[in-house]
PDB file of N, CA and C in Angstrom:
ATOM      1  N   MET A   1      82.046-129.171-100.466  1.00  0.00           N
ATOM      2  CA  MET A   1      81.460-128.948 -99.721  1.00  0.00           C
ATOM      3  C   MET A   1      81.136-129.886 -98.650  1.00  0.00           C
ATOM      4  N   LYS A   2      80.604-130.055 -97.266  1.00  0.00           N
ATOM      5  CA  LYS A   2      80.122-130.779 -96.505  1.00  0.00           C
ATOM      6  C   LYS A   2      79.113-130.304 -95.689  1.00  0.00           C
ATOM      7  N   SER A   3      78.806-128.963 -95.828  1.00  0.00           N
ATOM      8  CA  SER A   3      77.186-127.804 -94.487  1.00  0.00           C
ATOM      9  C   SER A   3      76.657-127.383 -96.020  1.00  0.00           C
ATOM     10  N   LEU A   4      75.484-128.021 -95.969  1.00  0.00           N
ATOM     11  CA  LEU A   4      74.605-127.999 -96.684  1.00  0.00           C
ATOM     12  C   LEU A   4      74.347-126.103 -96.159  1.00  0.00           C
ATOM     13  N   GLN A   5      74.369-125.210 -94.874  1.00  0.00           N
ATOM     14  CA  GLN A   5      73.698-124.264 -94.792  1.00  0.00           C
ATOM     15  C   GLN A   5      75.273-123.295 -95.048  1.00  0.00           C
ATOM     16  N   ASP A   6      76.031-123.811 -94.670  1.00  0.00           N
ATOM     17  CA  ASP A   6      77.398-122.845 -95.758  1.00  0.00           C
ATOM     18  C   ASP A   6      77.527-122.864 -97.449  1.00  0.00           C
ATOM     19  N   ALA A   7      76.637-124.115 -98.063  1.00  0.00           N
ATOM     20  CA  ALA A   7      76.613-124.020 -99.406  1.00  0.00           C
ATOM     21  C   ALA A   7      75.620-123.086 -99.755  1.00  0.00           C
ATOM     22  N   LEU A   8      75.020-122.825 -99.173  1.00  0.00           N
ATOM     23  CA  LEU A   8      73.767-122.217 -98.776  1.00  0.00           C
ATOM     24  C   LEU A   8      74.064-120.677 -99.230  1.00  0.00           C
ATOM     25  N   TYR A   9      74.838-120.362 -97.675  1.00  0.00           N
ATOM     26  CA  TYR A   9      75.379-118.869 -97.487  1.00  0.00           C
ATOM     27  C   TYR A   9      76.466-118.519 -98.712  1.00  0.00           C
ATOM     28  N   ASN A  10      78.016-119.268 -99.200  1.00  0.00           N
ATOM     29  CA  ASN A  10      78.174-118.799-100.310  1.00  0.00           C
ATOM     30  C   ASN A  10      77.663-119.089-101.486  1.00  0.00           C
ATOM     31  N   TRP A  11      76.533-118.924-102.081  1.00  0.00           N
ATOM     32  CA  TRP A  11      75.388-119.267-103.329  1.00  0.00           C
ATOM     33  C   TRP A  11      74.623-118.359-102.978  1.00  0.00           C
ATOM     34  N   LEU A  12      74.635-117.151-102.072  1.00  0.00           N
ATOM     35  CA  LEU A  12      73.835-116.169-101.792  1.00  0.00           C
ATOM     36  C   LEU A  12      75.055-115.579-101.598  1.00  0.00           C
ATOM     37  N   THR A  13      75.804-115.230-101.118  1.00  0.00           N
ATOM     38  CA  THR A  13      76.372-114.653-101.549  1.00  0.00           C
ATOM     39  C   THR A  13      77.622-114.190-102.634  1.00  0.00           C
ATOM     40  N   ILE A  14      77.913-114.656-103.421  1.00  0.00           N
ATOM     41  CA  ILE A  14      77.638-115.183-104.678  1.00  0.00           C
ATOM     42  C   ILE A  14      76.999-114.510-105.448  1.00  0.00           C
ATOM     43  N   LYS A  15      76.239-114.954-105.162  1.00  0.00           N
ATOM     44  CA  LYS A  15      74.606-114.855-105.827  1.00  0.00           C
ATOM     45  C   LYS A  15      74.189-113.424-105.486  1.00  0.00           C
ATOM     46  N   VAL A  16      74.542-112.454-104.568  1.00  0.00           N
ATOM     47  CA  VAL A  16      74.295-110.935-104.467  1.00  0.00           C
ATOM     48  C   VAL A  16      75.033-110.527-104.945  1.00  0.00           C
ATOM     49  N   VAL A  17      76.692-110.929-105.529  1.00  0.00           N
ATOM     50  CA  VAL A  17      77.458-109.907-105.575  1.00  0.00           C
ATOM     51  C   VAL A  17      77.084-110.198-108.186  1.00  0.00           C
ATOM     52  N   LYS A  18      76.733-111.081-108.064  1.00  0.00           N
ATOM     53  CA  LYS A  18      76.892-111.325-110.120  1.00  0.00           C
ATOM     54  C   LYS A  18      75.172-110.665-109.861  1.00  0.00           C
ATOM     55  N   ASP A  19      74.301-110.517-109.233  1.00  0.00           N
ATOM     56  CA  ASP A  19      73.128-108.987-110.150  1.00  0.00           C
ATOM     57  C   ASP A  19      73.469-108.551-109.356  1.00  0.00           C
ATOM     58  N   SER A  20      73.776-107.740-108.696  1.00  0.00           N
ATOM     59  CA  SER A  20      74.966-106.554-108.767  1.00  0.00           C
ATOM     60  C   SER A  20      75.450-106.342-110.116  1.00  0.00           C
ATOM     61  N   ARG A  21      76.073-107.082-110.040  1.00  0.00           N
ATOM     62  CA  ARG A  21      77.349-107.312-111.685  1.00  0.00           C
ATOM     63  C   ARG A  21      76.720-108.303-112.462  1.00  0.00           C
ATOM     64  N   PRO A  22      76.500-107.602-113.669  1.00  0.00           N
ATOM     65  CA  PRO A  22      75.867-108.836-114.415  1.00  0.00           C
ATOM     66  C   PRO A  22      77.008-108.765-115.221  1.00  0.00           C
ATOM     67  N   ASP A  23      78.127-107.833-114.970  1.00  0.00           N
ATOM     68  CA  ASP A  23      79.212-108.910-116.466  1.00  0.00           C
ATOM     69  C   ASP A  23      80.991-109.437-115.707  1.00  0.00           C
ATOM     70  N   ASP A  24      80.390-109.155-114.446  1.00  0.00           N
ATOM     71  CA  ASP A  24      81.252-109.979-113.580  1.00  0.00           C
ATOM     72  C   ASP A  24      81.527-110.973-114.009  1.00  0.00           C
ATOM     73  N   THR A  25      82.419-111.876-114.949  1.00  0.00           N
ATOM     74  CA  THR A  25      82.387-113.590-114.838  1.00  0.00           C
ATOM     75  C   THR A  25      83.032-114.036-114.148  1.00  0.00           C
ATOM     76  N   ALA A  26      83.948-113.604-113.277  1.00  0.00           N
ATOM     77  CA  ALA A  26      84.638-114.317-112.024  1.00  0.00           C
ATOM     78  C   ALA A  26      83.220-114.451-110.521  1.00  0.00           C
ATOM     79  N   ALA A  27      82.023-113.437-110.911  1.00  0.00           N
ATOM     80  CA  ALA A  27      81.022-113.907-109.914  1.00  0.00           C
ATOM     81  C   ALA A  27      80.003-114.748-110.474  1.00  0.00           C
ATOM     82  N   ARG A  28      79.854-115.101-111.820  1.00  0.00           N
ATOM     83  CA  ARG A  28      78.477-116.146-112.682  1.00  0.00           C
ATOM     84  C   ARG A  28      79.162-116.706-112.511  1.00  0.00           C
ATOM     85  N   ASP A  29      81.001-117.450-112.848  1.00  0.00           N
ATOM     86  CA  ASP A  29      81.436-118.918-112.752  1.00  0.00           C
ATOM     87  C   ASP A  29      81.122-119.039-110.968  1.00  0.00           C
ATOM     88  N   THR A  30      81.324-118.799-110.684  1.00  0.00           N
ATOM     89  CA  THR A  30      81.649-118.995-108.984  1.00  0.00           C
ATOM     90  C   THR A  30      79.575-119.395-108.347  1.00  0.00           C
ATOM     91  N   THR A  31      79.318-118.343-109.176  1.00  0.00           N
ATOM     92  CA  THR A  31      77.355-118.741-108.671  1.00  0.00           C
ATOM     93  C   THR A  31      77.856-120.004-109.135  1.00  0.00           C
ATOM     94  N   GLU A  32      77.345-120.377-110.036  1.00  0.00           N
ATOM     95  CA  GLU A  32      77.345-121.704-111.172  1.00  0.00           C
ATOM     96  C   GLU A  32      77.813-123.465-110.408  1.00  0.00           C
ATOM     97  N   LEU A  33      79.521-122.733-110.062  1.00  0.00           N
ATOM     98  CA  LEU A  33      79.999-123.580-109.305  1.00  0.00           C
ATOM     99  C   LEU A  33      79.132-123.626-108.067  1.00  0.00           C
ATOM    100  N   PHE A  34      79.056-123.327-107.449  1.00  0.00           N
ATOM    101  CA  PHE A  34      78.202-123.370-105.819  1.00  0.00           C
ATOM    102  C   PHE A  34      76.756-123.814-106.397  1.00  0.00           C
ATOM    103  N   GLU A  35      76.394-123.467-107.503  1.00  0.00           N
ATOM    104  CA  GLU A  35      74.505-124.308-107.854  1.00  0.00           C
ATOM    105  C   GLU A  35      74.983-125.644-108.201  1.00  0.00           C
ATOM    106  N   GLU A  36      76.341-125.632-109.094  1.00  0.00           N
ATOM    107  CA  GLU A  36      76.170-127.435-109.080  1.00  0.00           C
ATOM    108  C   GLU A  36      76.741-128.281-107.341  1.00  0.00           C
ATOM    109  N   ILE A  37      77.442-127.396-107.048  1.00  0.00           N
ATOM    110  CA  ILE A  37      77.483-127.508-105.240  1.00  0.00           C
ATOM    111  C   ILE A  37      75.927-128.737-105.143  1.00  0.00           C
ATOM    112  N   LEU A  38      75.382-127.151-104.751  1.00  0.00           N
ATOM    113  CA  LEU A  38      73.691-127.116-104.065  1.00  0.00           C
ATOM    114  C   LEU A  38      73.067-128.687-105.030  1.00  0.00           C
ATOM    115  N   SER A  39      73.681-128.581-105.651  1.00  0.00           N
ATOM    116  CA  SER A  39      72.021-129.373-107.097  1.00  0.00           C
ATOM    117  C   SER A  39      72.792-131.286-106.747  1.00  0.00           C
ATOM    118  N   THR A  40      74.417-131.463-107.177  1.00  0.00           N
ATOM    119  CA  THR A  40      75.109-132.190-106.854  1.00  0.00           C
ATOM    120  C   THR A  40      75.167-133.690-105.287  1.00  0.00           C
ATOM    121  N   GLU A  41      75.945-132.847-104.257  1.00  0.00           N
ATOM    122  CA  GLU A  41      77.087-133.165-103.385  1.00  0.00           C
ATOM    123  C   GLU A  41      75.451-132.752-102.220  1.00  0.00           C
ATOM    124  N   HIS A  42      74.506-132.080-102.604  1.00  0.00           N
ATOM    125  CA  HIS A  42      73.370-132.047-101.177  1.00  0.00           C
ATOM    126  C   HIS A  42      71.475-132.380-101.705  1.00  0.00           C
ATOM    127  N   GLY A  43      71.684-131.500-102.834  1.00  0.00           N
ATOM    128  CA  GLY A  43      70.415-132.853-103.145  1.00  0.00           C
ATOM    129  C   GLY A  43      69.366-131.611-103.979  1.00  0.00           C
ATOM    130  N   VAL A  44      69.647-129.858-104.133  1.00  0.00           N
ATOM    131  CA  VAL A  44      69.144-128.775-102.957  1.00  0.00           C
ATOM    132  C   VAL A  44      68.850-128.261-104.461  1.00  0.00           C
ATOM    133  N   SER A  45      67.411-128.368-104.881  1.00  0.00           N
ATOM    134  CA  SER A  45      66.851-127.490-106.222  1.00  0.00           C
ATOM    135  C   SER A  45      65.985-126.798-106.216  1.00  0.00           C
ATOM    136  N   ASP A  46      65.197-125.800-107.298  1.00  0.00           N
ATOM    137  CA  ASP A  46      64.173-125.001-107.218  1.00  0.00           C
ATOM    138  C   ASP A  46      64.538-124.110-106.077  1.00  0.00           C
ATOM    139  N   ILE A  47      65.927-122.910-106.073  1.00  0.00           N
ATOM    140  CA  ILE A  47      65.853-122.217-104.382  1.00  0.00           C
ATOM    141  C   ILE A  47      65.386-120.626-105.040  1.00  0.00           C
ATOM    142  N   GLU A  48      64.359-120.191-104.123  1.00  0.00           N
ATOM    143  CA  GLU A  48      63.122-118.820-104.169  1.00  0.00           C
ATOM    144  C   GLU A  48      64.367-118.222-103.172  1.00  0.00           C
ATOM    145  N   VAL A  49      64.733-116.854-103.925  1.00  0.00           N
ATOM    146  CA  VAL A  49      65.192-116.205-102.981  1.00  0.00           C
ATOM    147  C   VAL A  49      64.234-115.048-102.439  1.00  0.00           C
ATOM    148  N   LYS A  50      64.401-113.912-101.374  1.00  0.00           N
ATOM    149  CA  LYS A  50      63.212-113.976-101.143  1.00  0.00           C
ATOM    150  C   LYS A  50      64.067-112.282-100.188  1.00  0.00           C
ATOM    151  N   THR A  51      63.581-111.092-100.058  1.00  0.00           N
ATOM    152  CA  THR A  51      64.543-110.370 -98.608  1.00  0.00           C
ATOM    153  C   THR A  51      63.946-109.391 -98.550  1.00  0.00           C
ATOM    154  N   ASP A  52      63.783-109.144 -97.252  1.00  0.00           N
ATOM    155  CA  ASP A  52      63.752-107.294 -96.654  1.00  0.00           C
ATOM    156  C   ASP A  52      64.297-106.617 -96.341  1.00  0.00           C
ATOM    157  N   LEU A  53      63.806-105.670 -95.585  1.00  0.00           N
ATOM    158  CA  LEU A  53      66.051-104.646 -94.964  1.00  0.00           C
ATOM    159  C   LEU A  53      66.148-105.485 -94.208  1.00  0.00           C
ATOM    160  N   LEU A  54      66.040-106.493 -92.923  1.00  0.00           N
ATOM    161  CA  LEU A  54      67.069-107.305 -92.340  1.00  0.00           C
ATOM    162  C   LEU A  54      67.729-108.373 -93.182  1.00  0.00           C
ATOM    163  N   MET A  55      66.749-109.260 -93.408  1.00  0.00           N
ATOM    164  CA  MET A  55      67.047-110.328 -94.179  1.00  0.00           C
ATOM    165  C   MET A  55      67.197-111.157 -95.167  1.00  0.00           C
ATOM    166  N   TYR A  56      67.609-111.957 -95.632  1.00  0.00           N
ATOM    167  CA  TYR A  56      68.369-112.721 -96.869  1.00  0.00           C
ATOM    168  C   TYR A  56      66.816-114.100 -96.656  1.00  0.00           C
ATOM    169  N   TYR A  57      65.456-114.495 -97.705  1.00  0.00           N
ATOM    170  CA  TYR A  57      65.465-116.236 -97.304  1.00  0.00           C
ATOM    171  C   TYR A  57      65.130-116.559 -97.973  1.00  0.00           C
ATOM    172  N   LEU A  58      65.494-117.528 -97.487  1.00  0.00           N
ATOM    173  CA  LEU A  58      65.562-118.716 -98.837  1.00  0.00           C
ATOM    174  C   LEU A  58      64.727-120.022 -98.724  1.00  0.00           C
ATOM    175  N   THR A  59      64.034-120.352-100.326  1.00  0.00           N
ATOM    176  CA  THR A  59      62.825-121.599 -99.958  1.00  0.00           C
ATOM    177  C   THR A  59      63.302-122.873-100.711  1.00  0.00           C
ATOM    178  N   TYR A  60      63.467-123.875-100.867  1.00  0.00           N
ATOM    179  CA  TYR A  60      63.976-124.649-101.328  1.00  0.00           C
ATOM    180  C   TYR A  60      63.854-126.153-101.089  1.00  0.00           C
ATOM    181  N   GLN A  61      63.536-127.146-102.181  1.00  0.00           N
ATOM    182  CA  GLN A  61      63.956-127.687-102.505  1.00  0.00           C
ATOM    183  C   GLN A  61      64.729-129.723-101.711  1.00  0.00           C
ATOM    184  N   HIS A  62      64.775-130.037-101.078  1.00  0.00           N
ATOM    185  CA  HIS A  62      66.112-130.933-100.421  1.00  0.00           C
ATOM    186  C   HIS A  62      65.178-132.156 -99.982  1.00  0.00           C
ATOM    187  N   ALA A  63      65.347-133.383-100.176  1.00  0.00           N
ATOM    188  CA  ALA A  63      65.006-135.568-100.315  1.00  0.00           C
ATOM    189  C   ALA A  63      63.520-134.534-100.728  1.00  0.00           C
ATOM    190  N   GLY A  64      62.938-134.443-101.058  1.00  0.00           N
ATOM    191  CA  GLY A  64      61.641-133.947-101.520  1.00  0.00           C
ATOM    192  C   GLY A  64      60.879-133.202-100.491  1.00  0.00           C
ATOM    193  N   GLU A  65      61.174-132.323 -99.786  1.00  0.00           N
ATOM    194  CA  GLU A  65      60.859-131.728 -98.978  1.00  0.00           C
ATOM    195  C   GLU A  65      60.579-129.870 -99.415  1.00  0.00           C
ATOM    196  N   THR A  66      60.351-129.106 -98.451  1.00  0.00           N
ATOM    197  CA  THR A  66      60.283-127.859 -98.852  1.00  0.00           C
ATOM    198  C   THR A  66      60.684-127.238 -97.500  1.00  0.00           C
ATOM    199  N   LYS A  67      62.189-126.483 -97.615  1.00  0.00           N
ATOM    200  CA  LYS A  67      62.900-125.533 -96.216  1.00  0.00           C
ATOM    201  C   LYS A  67      63.111-124.522 -96.831  1.00  0.00           C
ATOM    202  N   ASN A  68      63.378-124.176 -95.835  1.00  0.00           N
ATOM    203  CA  ASN A  68      63.488-122.683 -95.492  1.00  0.00           C
ATOM    204  C   ASN A  68      65.188-122.636 -95.153  1.00  0.00           C
ATOM    205  N   ALA A  69      65.412-121.110 -95.220  1.00  0.00           N
ATOM    206  CA  ALA A  69      66.696-121.051 -94.356  1.00  0.00           C
ATOM    207  C   ALA A  69      66.410-118.959 -93.957  1.00  0.00           C
ATOM    208  N   LYS A  70      67.591-118.633 -94.169  1.00  0.00           N
ATOM    209  CA  LYS A  70      67.748-116.777 -93.084  1.00  0.00           C
ATOM    210  C   LYS A  70      68.551-116.333 -92.893  1.00  0.00           C
ATOM    211  N   TYR A  71      69.272-115.726 -93.762  1.00  0.00           N
ATOM    212  CA  TYR A  71      70.856-115.082 -93.599  1.00  0.00           C
ATOM    213  C   TYR A  71      70.425-113.366 -93.039  1.00  0.00           C
ATOM    214  N   PRO A  72      71.046-112.519 -92.169  1.00  0.00           N
ATOM    215  CA  PRO A  72      70.949-111.663 -92.331  1.00  0.00           C
ATOM    216  C   PRO A  72      71.373-110.499 -93.114  1.00  0.00           C
ATOM    217  N   ARG A  73      71.161-109.810 -94.643  1.00  0.00           N
ATOM    218  CA  ARG A  73      71.965-109.208 -95.094  1.00  0.00           C
ATOM    219  C   ARG A  73      73.065-108.653 -95.079  1.00  0.00           C
ATOM    220  N   GLU A  74      73.365-107.701 -93.932  1.00  0.00           N
ATOM    221  CA  GLU A  74      74.661-107.233 -93.271  1.00  0.00           C
ATOM    222  C   GLU A  74      76.276-108.878 -93.680  1.00  0.00           C
ATOM    223  N   LEU A  75      75.497-109.793 -93.522  1.00  0.00           N
ATOM    224  CA  LEU A  75      76.269-110.912 -93.436  1.00  0.00           C
ATOM    225  C   LEU A  75      77.042-111.610 -94.846  1.00  0.00           C
ATOM    226  N   ILE A  76      75.147-111.818 -95.449  1.00  0.00           N
ATOM    227  CA  ILE A  76      75.261-111.086 -97.530  1.00  0.00           C
ATOM    228  C   ILE A  76      76.102-111.091 -98.673  1.00  0.00           C
ATOM    229  N   GLU A  77      76.147-109.935 -97.594  1.00  0.00           N
ATOM    230  CA  GLU A  77      76.507-108.191 -98.551  1.00  0.00           C
ATOM    231  C   GLU A  77      77.795-107.669 -98.001  1.00  0.00           C
ATOM    232  N   ILE A  78      78.716-108.699 -97.821  1.00  0.00           N
ATOM    233  CA  ILE A  78      79.633-108.348 -96.880  1.00  0.00           C
ATOM    234  C   ILE A  78      80.800-107.878 -98.414  1.00  0.00           C
ATOM    235  N   MET A  79      80.673-109.484 -98.570  1.00  0.00           N
ATOM    236  CA  MET A  79      80.962-109.412-100.490  1.00  0.00           C
ATOM    237  C   MET A  79      80.723-107.965-100.539  1.00  0.00           C
ATOM    238  N   LEU A  80      79.805-107.791-101.569  1.00  0.00           N
ATOM    239  CA  LEU A  80      79.649-106.469-102.491  1.00  0.00           C
ATOM    240  C   LEU A  80      80.106-105.301-102.117  1.00  0.00           C
ATOM    241  N   ASP A  81      79.452-105.413-100.746  1.00  0.00           N
ATOM    242  CA  ASP A  81      80.041-103.824 -99.364  1.00  0.00           C
ATOM    243  C   ASP A  81      81.552-103.808 -99.904  1.00  0.00           C
ATOM    244  N   GLN A  82      82.344-104.622-100.211  1.00  0.00           N
ATOM    245  CA  GLN A  82      83.913-105.028 -99.703  1.00  0.00           C
ATOM    246  C   GLN A  82      84.213-103.898-101.570  1.00  0.00           C
ATOM    247  N   ILE A  83      83.293-104.911-102.735  1.00  0.00           N
ATOM    248  CA  ILE A  83      83.482-105.035-103.699  1.00  0.00           C
ATOM    249  C   ILE A  83      83.562-103.253-104.244  1.00  0.00           C
ATOM    250  N   ASN A  84      81.799-102.486-103.610  1.00  0.00           N
ATOM    251  CA  ASN A  84      81.163-100.941-103.665  1.00  0.00           C
ATOM    252  C   ASN A  84      82.726-100.224-103.407  1.00  0.00           C
ATOM    253  N   GLU A  85      83.398-100.393-101.612  1.00  0.00           N
ATOM    254  CA  GLU A  85      84.017 -99.854-101.731  1.00  0.00           C
ATOM    255  C   GLU A  85      85.601 -99.494-101.950  1.00  0.00           C
ATOM    256  N   SER A  86      86.129-100.699-102.833  1.00  0.00           N
ATOM    257  CA  SER A  86      86.759-100.854-103.388  1.00  0.00           C
ATOM    258  C   SER A  86      87.424-102.044-104.313  1.00  0.00           C
ATOM    259  N   PRO A  87      86.196-100.817-105.535  1.00  0.00           N
ATOM    260  CA  PRO A  87      85.772-101.432-107.344  1.00  0.00           C
ATOM    261  C   PRO A  87      87.401-101.660-107.820  1.00  0.00           C
ATOM    262  N   GLU A  88      89.085-101.259-107.225  1.00  0.00           N
ATOM    263  CA  GLU A  88      89.943-101.062-108.594  1.00  0.00           C
ATOM    264  C   GLU A  88      90.731-102.610-107.999  1.00  0.00           C
ATOM    265  N   ARG A  89      90.078-102.812-106.733  1.00  0.00           N
ATOM    266  CA  ARG A  89      90.265-104.378-106.010  1.00  0.00           C
ATOM    267  C   ARG A  89      89.985-105.394-107.162  1.00  0.00           C
ATOM    268  N   TYR A  90      89.110-104.695-107.612  1.00  0.00           N
ATOM    269  CA  TYR A  90      88.290-106.245-108.360  1.00  0.00           C
ATOM    270  C   TYR A  90      87.546-106.471-109.192  1.00  0.00           C
ATOM    271  N   ALA A  91      88.938-106.006-110.570  1.00  0.00           N
ATOM    272  CA  ALA A  91      88.761-105.699-112.078  1.00  0.00           C
ATOM    273  C   ALA A  91      88.325-107.100-112.651  1.00  0.00           C
ATOM    274  N   ASN A  92      86.851-106.932-113.414  1.00  0.00           N
ATOM    275  CA  ASN A  92      86.581-108.169-114.131  1.00  0.00           C
ATOM    276  C   ASN A  92      87.506-107.627-115.207  1.00  0.00           C
ATOM    277  N   TYR A  93      87.649-108.858-115.541  1.00  0.00           N
ATOM    278  CA  TYR A  93      87.920-109.268-116.717  1.00  0.00           C
ATOM    279  C   TYR A  93      87.721-110.642-118.092  1.00  0.00           C
ATOM    280  N   PRO A  94      87.529-109.873-118.742  1.00  0.00           N
ATOM    281  CA  PRO A  94      86.712-109.891-120.185  1.00  0.00           C
ATOM    282  C   PRO A  94      87.246-111.604-120.607  1.00  0.00           C
ATOM    283  N   GLU A  95      85.876-112.088-120.832  1.00  0.00           N
ATOM    284  CA  GLU A  95      86.195-113.650-121.226  1.00  0.00           C
ATOM    285  C   GLU A  95      87.281-114.091-122.132  1.00  0.00           C
ATOM    286  N   GLU A  96      88.150-115.013-122.483  1.00  0.00           N
ATOM    287  CA  GLU A  96      89.289-115.369-123.523  1.00  0.00           C
ATOM    288  C   GLU A  96      88.508-115.769-124.716  1.00  0.00           C
ATOM    289  N   ASP A  97      88.890-115.276-125.971  1.00  0.00           N
ATOM    290  CA  ASP A  97      87.506-115.773-127.214  1.00  0.00           C
ATOM    291  C   ASP A  97      88.854-117.243-127.758  1.00  0.00           C
TER     292      ASP A  97
END
């Protein structure tokens, strides 16, 4: 993933799903994938997430500096909203033993 902003956005979007659906193995695995991309491709660490009624705020370490990003809640929560509106389309498949 070329853009750090895109990687942060994608990570946060799926993290919100994972946090809301802790048994969702696909959301967990995808969150881990984006964490790996952020770490290895972009050198990002120590991401902290805060939110208010309108925005998500990220604070993270990048290139030895503390940096910030913010995203509107409506953009970040769109995937979770879709899942909640049509849960039958997003079945959770258990892990194979």
